[in-house]
C-alpha atoms as a PDB file:
ATOM      1  CA  UNK A   1     -13.230  12.845  23.123  1.00  0.00           C
ATOM      2  CA  UNK A   2     -12.139  15.599  20.738  1.00  0.00           C
ATOM      3  CA  UNK A   3     -11.945  14.932  17.024  1.00  0.00           C
ATOM      4  CA  UNK A   4      -8.650  13.815  15.559  1.00  0.00           C
ATOM      5  CA  UNK A   5      -7.492  13.271  11.994  1.00  0.00           C
ATOM      6  CA  UNK A   6      -6.548   9.620  11.455  1.00  0.00           C
ATOM      7  CA  UNK A   7      -4.783   8.241   8.396  1.00  0.00           C
ATOM      8  CA  UNK A   8      -5.169   4.680   7.136  1.00  0.00           C
ATOM      9  CA  UNK A   9      -3.636   2.608   4.352  1.00  0.00           C
ATOM     10  CA  UNK A  10      -6.384   0.803   2.448  1.00  0.00           C
ATOM     11  CA  UNK A  11      -5.879  -1.519  -0.532  1.00  0.00           C
ATOM     12  CA  UNK A  12      -8.061   0.552  -2.889  1.00  0.00           C
ATOM     13  CA  UNK A  13      -7.864  -0.036  -6.636  1.00  0.00           C
ATOM     14  CA  UNK A  14     -10.727   2.171  -7.844  1.00  0.00           C
ATOM     15  CA  UNK A  15     -13.341   4.746  -6.891  1.00  0.00           C
ATOM     16  CA  UNK A  16     -15.691   1.890  -6.000  1.00  0.00           C
ATOM     17  CA  UNK A  17     -13.305   0.903  -3.210  1.00  0.00           C
ATOM     18  CA  UNK A  18     -13.118   4.524  -2.046  1.00  0.00           C
ATOM     19  CA  UNK A  19     -16.911   4.765  -2.060  1.00  0.00           C
ATOM     20  CA  UNK A  20     -17.153   1.580   0.030  1.00  0.00           C
ATOM     21  CA  UNK A  21     -14.906   3.188   2.655  1.00  0.00           C
ATOM     22  CA  UNK A  22     -17.032   6.340   2.631  1.00  0.00           C
ATOM     23  CA  UNK A  23     -20.267   4.336   2.982  1.00  0.00           C
ATOM     24  CA  UNK A  24     -19.188   2.397   6.072  1.00  0.00           C
ATOM     25  CA  UNK A  25     -17.774   5.531   7.720  1.00  0.00           C
ATOM     26  CA  UNK A  26     -20.835   7.677   6.969  1.00  0.00           C
ATOM     27  CA  UNK A  27     -22.976   5.159   8.883  1.00  0.00           C
ATOM     28  CA  UNK A  28     -21.283   6.460  12.070  1.00  0.00           C
ATOM     29  CA  UNK A  29     -23.312   9.677  11.917  1.00  0.00           C
ATOM     30  CA  UNK A  30     -21.834  12.748  13.568  1.00  0.00           C
ATOM     31  CA  UNK A  31     -18.962  10.725  15.089  1.00  0.00           C
ATOM     32  CA  UNK A  32     -17.235  11.091  11.704  1.00  0.00           C
ATOM     33  CA  UNK A  33     -17.027  14.676  10.440  1.00  0.00           C
ATOM     34  CA  UNK A  34     -14.787  14.362   7.354  1.00  0.00           C
ATOM     35  CA  UNK A  35     -13.621  11.590   5.014  1.00  0.00           C
ATOM     36  CA  UNK A  36     -10.945  12.006   2.351  1.00  0.00           C
ATOM     37  CA  UNK A  37      -9.895   9.188   0.037  1.00  0.00           C
ATOM     38  CA  UNK A  38      -6.816   9.045  -2.170  1.00  0.00           C
ATOM     39  CA  UNK A  39      -6.977   5.993  -4.437  1.00  0.00           C
ATOM     40  CA  UNK A  40      -3.577   6.689  -6.016  1.00  0.00           C
ATOM     41  CA  UNK A  41      -1.781   6.650  -2.664  1.00  0.00           C
ATOM     42  CA  UNK A  42      -4.203   4.116  -1.135  1.00  0.00           C
ATOM     43  CA  UNK A  43      -4.987   6.378   1.838  1.00  0.00           C
ATOM     44  CA  UNK A  44      -8.137   7.175   3.742  1.00  0.00           C
ATOM     45  CA  UNK A  45      -8.077  10.206   6.033  1.00  0.00           C
ATOM     46  CA  UNK A  46     -10.848  10.412   8.625  1.00  0.00           C
ATOM     47  CA  UNK A  47     -11.698  13.231  11.021  1.00  0.00           C
ATOM     48  CA  UNK A  48     -13.555  11.646  13.920  1.00  0.00           C
ATOM     49  CA  UNK A  49     -14.022  11.454  17.651  1.00  0.00           C
ATOM     50  CA  UNK A  50     -13.866   7.649  17.412  1.00  0.00           C
ATOM     51  CA  UNK A  51     -10.627   5.878  18.341  1.00  0.00           C
ATOM     52  CA  UNK A  52      -8.211   4.594  15.721  1.00  0.00           C
ATOM     53  CA  UNK A  53      -9.123   1.012  16.658  1.00  0.00           C
ATOM     54  CA  UNK A  54     -12.846   1.708  16.213  1.00  0.00           C
ATOM     55  CA  UNK A  55     -12.219   3.293  12.819  1.00  0.00           C
ATOM     56  CA  UNK A  56      -9.941   0.434  11.782  1.00  0.00           C
ATOM     57  CA  UNK A  57     -12.637  -2.140  12.571  1.00  0.00           C
ATOM     58  CA  UNK A  58     -15.221  -0.091  10.634  1.00  0.00           C
ATOM     59  CA  UNK A  59     -12.963   0.143   7.571  1.00  0.00           C
ATOM     60  CA  UNK A  60     -12.259  -3.608   7.703  1.00  0.00           C
ATOM     61  CA  UNK A  61     -15.964  -4.150   6.958  1.00  0.00           C
ATOM     62  CA  UNK A  62     -15.168  -3.200   3.349  1.00  0.00           C
ATOM     63  CA  UNK A  63     -13.258  -6.477   2.980  1.00  0.00           C
ATOM     64  CA  UNK A  64     -10.106  -4.629   1.946  1.00  0.00           C
ATOM     65  CA  UNK A  65      -6.711  -4.781   3.627  1.00  0.00           C
ATOM     66  CA  UNK A  66      -6.549  -1.838   6.040  1.00  0.00           C
ATOM     67  CA  UNK A  67      -3.722  -0.640   8.285  1.00  0.00           C
ATOM     68  CA  UNK A  68      -3.517   2.325  10.624  1.00  0.00           C
ATOM     69  CA  UNK A  69      -0.812   4.837   9.676  1.00  0.00           C
ATOM     70  CA  UNK A  70      -1.278   7.325  12.522  1.00  0.00           C
ATOM     71  CA  UNK A  71      -2.678  10.661  13.595  1.00  0.00           C
ATOM     72  CA  UNK A  72      -2.194  13.296  10.932  1.00  0.00           C
ATOM     73  CA  UNK A  73      -0.750  16.544  12.216  1.00  0.00           C
END
């Protein structure tokens, strides 16, 4: 599967929350090629060949509320 850019809402309140998202996503190795976090807008943008559902389940491991927004164009 080709890489896509997925956008998620995540209930982040600080850089610690953003770092937690980055940590769980980085464990996926080369399946995730880019991670951008925006604490102010509570968004995580992930470039990956994983599906949105797979990424959603990975981000839920942070214990934060996470919702899929969609594919970013």
